[in-house]
N, C-alpha and C. Protein backbone atom coordinates (compact mmCIF):
# COMPACT_ATOMS: atom_id res chain seq x y z
N MET A 1 10.86 15.69 -21.91
CA MET A 1 10.99 14.19 -21.80
C MET A 1 9.94 13.48 -22.29
N ARG A 2 10.23 12.45 -23.17
CA ARG A 2 9.30 11.77 -23.92
C ARG A 2 9.00 10.49 -23.42
N PHE A 3 7.85 9.95 -23.21
CA PHE A 3 7.51 8.60 -22.83
C PHE A 3 7.64 7.51 -23.93
N THR A 4 8.37 6.51 -23.76
CA THR A 4 8.74 5.49 -24.95
C THR A 4 8.04 4.10 -24.14
N LYS A 5 7.46 3.41 -25.16
CA LYS A 5 6.75 2.30 -24.58
C LYS A 5 7.74 1.27 -24.53
N PRO A 6 7.78 0.51 -23.29
CA PRO A 6 8.95 -0.70 -22.96
C PRO A 6 8.94 -1.67 -24.27
N LYS A 7 9.85 -2.22 -24.54
CA LYS A 7 10.07 -3.47 -25.45
C LYS A 7 9.14 -4.40 -24.93
N GLY A 8 8.50 -5.20 -25.98
CA GLY A 8 7.66 -6.17 -25.62
C GLY A 8 6.12 -5.77 -25.27
N LEU A 9 5.96 -4.70 -24.97
CA LEU A 9 4.54 -4.25 -24.59
C LEU A 9 3.84 -3.87 -25.77
N LYS A 10 2.66 -4.72 -26.04
CA LYS A 10 1.82 -4.52 -27.12
C LYS A 10 0.76 -3.88 -26.87
N GLY A 11 0.20 -3.02 -27.71
CA GLY A 11 -1.12 -2.39 -27.37
C GLY A 11 -0.84 -1.19 -26.42
N GLY A 12 -1.93 -0.60 -25.79
CA GLY A 12 -1.76 0.38 -24.60
C GLY A 12 -1.28 -0.01 -23.41
N ILE A 13 -1.17 0.99 -22.53
CA ILE A 13 -0.72 0.58 -21.22
C ILE A 13 -1.95 0.24 -20.40
N LYS A 14 -1.93 -0.62 -19.75
CA LYS A 14 -3.22 -1.18 -18.79
C LYS A 14 -3.21 -0.63 -17.53
N MET A 15 -4.21 -0.32 -16.86
CA MET A 15 -4.21 0.21 -15.56
C MET A 15 -3.89 -0.98 -14.63
N ALA A 16 -2.99 -0.75 -13.70
CA ALA A 16 -2.41 -1.81 -12.76
C ALA A 16 -3.56 -1.99 -11.62
N GLU A 17 -3.44 -3.36 -11.27
CA GLU A 17 -4.56 -3.46 -9.87
C GLU A 17 -4.17 -2.60 -8.67
N LYS A 18 -5.06 -2.26 -7.99
CA LYS A 18 -4.67 -1.61 -6.84
C LYS A 18 -3.72 -2.34 -6.01
N ARG A 19 -2.48 -1.72 -5.71
CA ARG A 19 -1.57 -2.34 -5.02
C ARG A 19 -1.53 -2.29 -3.44
N PHE A 20 -2.16 -1.21 -3.17
CA PHE A 20 -2.40 -0.93 -1.66
C PHE A 20 -3.94 -0.80 -1.30
N GLU A 21 -4.23 -1.23 -0.33
CA GLU A 21 -6.16 -1.24 0.07
C GLU A 21 -5.96 -0.65 1.58
N LYS A 22 -6.82 0.45 1.68
CA LYS A 22 -6.87 0.95 3.02
C LYS A 22 -7.95 -0.01 3.70
N VAL A 23 -7.34 -0.43 4.90
CA VAL A 23 -8.33 -1.43 5.84
C VAL A 23 -8.75 -0.65 7.00
N PHE A 24 -8.32 0.55 7.43
CA PHE A 24 -8.70 1.23 8.75
C PHE A 24 -8.38 2.64 8.61
N SER A 25 -9.45 3.53 9.02
CA SER A 25 -9.06 4.94 9.02
C SER A 25 -9.76 5.44 10.25
N GLN A 26 -9.00 6.33 10.89
CA GLN A 26 -9.46 7.02 12.36
C GLN A 26 -9.09 8.46 12.21
N GLY A 27 -9.91 9.62 12.33
CA GLY A 27 -9.44 10.94 12.60
C GLY A 27 -9.59 11.49 11.06
N MET A 28 -9.48 12.88 11.23
CA MET A 28 -9.71 13.78 10.16
C MET A 28 -8.37 14.61 9.87
N VAL A 29 -8.23 15.70 10.56
CA VAL A 29 -6.91 16.50 10.59
C VAL A 29 -5.80 15.96 11.14
N SER A 30 -5.92 14.91 12.07
CA SER A 30 -5.01 14.29 12.81
C SER A 30 -5.66 12.74 12.86
N GLY A 31 -4.97 11.78 12.38
CA GLY A 31 -5.40 10.40 12.22
C GLY A 31 -4.43 9.36 12.06
N TRP A 32 -4.92 8.10 11.82
CA TRP A 32 -4.27 7.03 11.53
C TRP A 32 -5.02 5.97 10.46
N GLU A 33 -4.27 5.68 9.75
CA GLU A 33 -4.49 4.50 8.59
C GLU A 33 -4.01 3.35 8.53
N ILE A 34 -4.48 2.31 8.34
CA ILE A 34 -3.70 0.92 8.06
C ILE A 34 -4.01 0.61 6.71
N TRP A 35 -2.80 0.35 5.83
CA TRP A 35 -2.75 0.17 4.37
C TRP A 35 -2.29 -1.32 4.30
N VAL A 36 -2.74 -2.20 3.39
CA VAL A 36 -2.21 -3.54 3.27
C VAL A 36 -1.76 -3.62 1.78
N ASP A 37 -0.59 -4.12 1.60
CA ASP A 37 -0.04 -4.41 0.16
C ASP A 37 -0.64 -5.54 -0.24
N THR A 38 -1.29 -5.58 -1.48
CA THR A 38 -2.25 -6.56 -1.72
C THR A 38 -1.49 -7.57 -2.47
N GLN A 39 -0.25 -7.48 -2.68
CA GLN A 39 0.74 -8.47 -3.37
C GLN A 39 1.58 -9.10 -2.21
N THR A 40 1.73 -8.55 -1.24
CA THR A 40 2.58 -8.84 -0.04
C THR A 40 1.86 -9.47 1.09
N GLY A 41 0.91 -8.76 1.37
CA GLY A 41 -0.01 -8.86 2.55
C GLY A 41 0.70 -8.12 3.81
N VAL A 42 1.77 -7.42 3.50
CA VAL A 42 2.17 -6.70 4.57
C VAL A 42 1.57 -5.24 4.95
N ASN A 43 1.47 -5.20 6.25
CA ASN A 43 0.49 -4.11 6.60
C ASN A 43 1.31 -2.96 6.95
N TYR A 44 1.08 -1.60 6.79
CA TYR A 44 1.89 -0.35 7.14
C TYR A 44 0.68 0.55 7.78
N VAL A 45 1.31 1.13 8.71
CA VAL A 45 0.44 2.33 9.61
C VAL A 45 1.00 3.55 9.01
N PHE A 46 -0.10 4.54 8.57
CA PHE A 46 0.13 5.76 8.27
C PHE A 46 -0.42 6.61 9.07
N HIS A 47 0.22 7.76 9.85
CA HIS A 47 -0.16 8.73 10.78
C HIS A 47 0.06 10.06 10.18
N TYR A 48 -0.96 10.91 10.24
CA TYR A 48 -0.79 12.18 9.78
C TYR A 48 -1.47 13.23 10.69
N GLU A 49 -0.94 14.46 10.82
CA GLU A 49 -1.18 15.56 11.57
C GLU A 49 -0.88 16.86 11.00
N GLY A 50 -2.04 17.57 10.66
CA GLY A 50 -1.96 18.53 9.64
C GLY A 50 -1.32 18.44 8.58
N HIS A 51 -0.06 19.09 8.14
CA HIS A 51 1.02 18.88 7.03
C HIS A 51 2.00 17.71 7.04
N ALA A 52 2.11 17.12 8.30
CA ALA A 52 3.14 16.30 8.42
C ALA A 52 2.55 14.75 8.38
N SER A 53 3.19 13.81 7.95
CA SER A 53 2.69 12.46 8.08
C SER A 53 3.94 11.53 8.14
N GLY A 54 3.89 10.14 8.19
CA GLY A 54 4.66 9.10 8.28
C GLY A 54 4.06 7.90 7.88
N LEU A 55 4.86 6.87 7.30
CA LEU A 55 4.47 5.57 7.08
C LEU A 55 5.53 4.48 7.32
N THR A 56 5.16 3.51 7.91
CA THR A 56 6.04 2.43 8.63
C THR A 56 5.37 1.12 8.53
N PRO A 57 6.05 -0.10 8.49
CA PRO A 57 5.39 -1.32 8.45
C PRO A 57 4.72 -1.37 9.98
N LEU A 58 3.75 -2.22 10.00
CA LEU A 58 2.89 -2.36 11.30
C LEU A 58 3.72 -3.29 11.58
N LEU A 59 4.00 -3.49 13.08
CA LEU A 59 5.01 -4.41 13.74
C LEU A 59 4.06 -5.23 14.72
N GLY A 60 4.17 -6.50 14.84
CA GLY A 60 3.45 -7.31 15.86
C GLY A 60 4.28 -7.24 17.34
N ALA A 61 3.73 -7.87 18.24
CA ALA A 61 4.52 -8.00 19.50
C ALA A 61 5.91 -8.42 19.29
N ASP A 62 6.17 -9.40 18.46
CA ASP A 62 7.33 -10.07 18.35
C ASP A 62 8.37 -9.37 17.51
N GLY A 63 7.96 -8.02 17.09
CA GLY A 63 8.89 -7.22 16.29
C GLY A 63 8.91 -7.39 14.76
N LYS A 64 8.06 -8.41 14.46
CA LYS A 64 8.06 -8.73 12.85
C LYS A 64 6.77 -8.07 12.35
N PRO A 65 6.92 -7.82 11.10
CA PRO A 65 5.73 -7.24 10.33
C PRO A 65 4.58 -7.88 10.26
N VAL A 66 3.42 -7.31 10.46
CA VAL A 66 2.29 -8.00 10.41
C VAL A 66 1.72 -8.22 9.00
N VAL A 67 1.37 -9.46 8.64
CA VAL A 67 1.19 -10.00 7.33
C VAL A 67 -0.23 -10.47 7.17
N THR A 68 -1.18 -9.88 6.35
CA THR A 68 -2.28 -10.46 6.29
C THR A 68 -2.21 -11.49 5.16
N PRO A 69 -2.93 -12.70 5.39
CA PRO A 69 -2.92 -13.64 4.25
C PRO A 69 -3.69 -13.05 2.98
N MET A 70 -3.07 -13.30 1.98
CA MET A 70 -3.90 -12.80 0.68
C MET A 70 -4.14 -14.15 0.00
N PRO A 71 -5.52 -13.98 -0.90
CA PRO A 71 -5.73 -15.17 -1.66
C PRO A 71 -4.78 -15.27 -2.92
N ARG A 72 -4.71 -16.52 -3.31
CA ARG A 72 -3.75 -16.85 -4.38
C ARG A 72 -4.18 -16.20 -5.68
N ARG A 73 -3.23 -15.76 -6.45
CA ARG A 73 -3.87 -15.20 -7.98
C ARG A 73 -3.32 -16.25 -8.98
N ASP A 74 -4.21 -17.18 -9.38
CA ASP A 74 -3.61 -17.88 -10.39
C ASP A 74 -4.11 -17.72 -11.86
């Protein structure tokens, strides 16, 4: 398989901004983390134990995803 540059892309490929940011971490072999999508503000909870893990949107008491207000990007 060979990489081809998408049409309209001039120069090299730039490193994208960090899409996700870890805002909470607890545990080592077994633990919890909360990640925020820096583009949408949606929070995700990540749980791991040994070799198993899972990721899901973090829900509030109303059953809707928790959204962190993000600064505008102009």
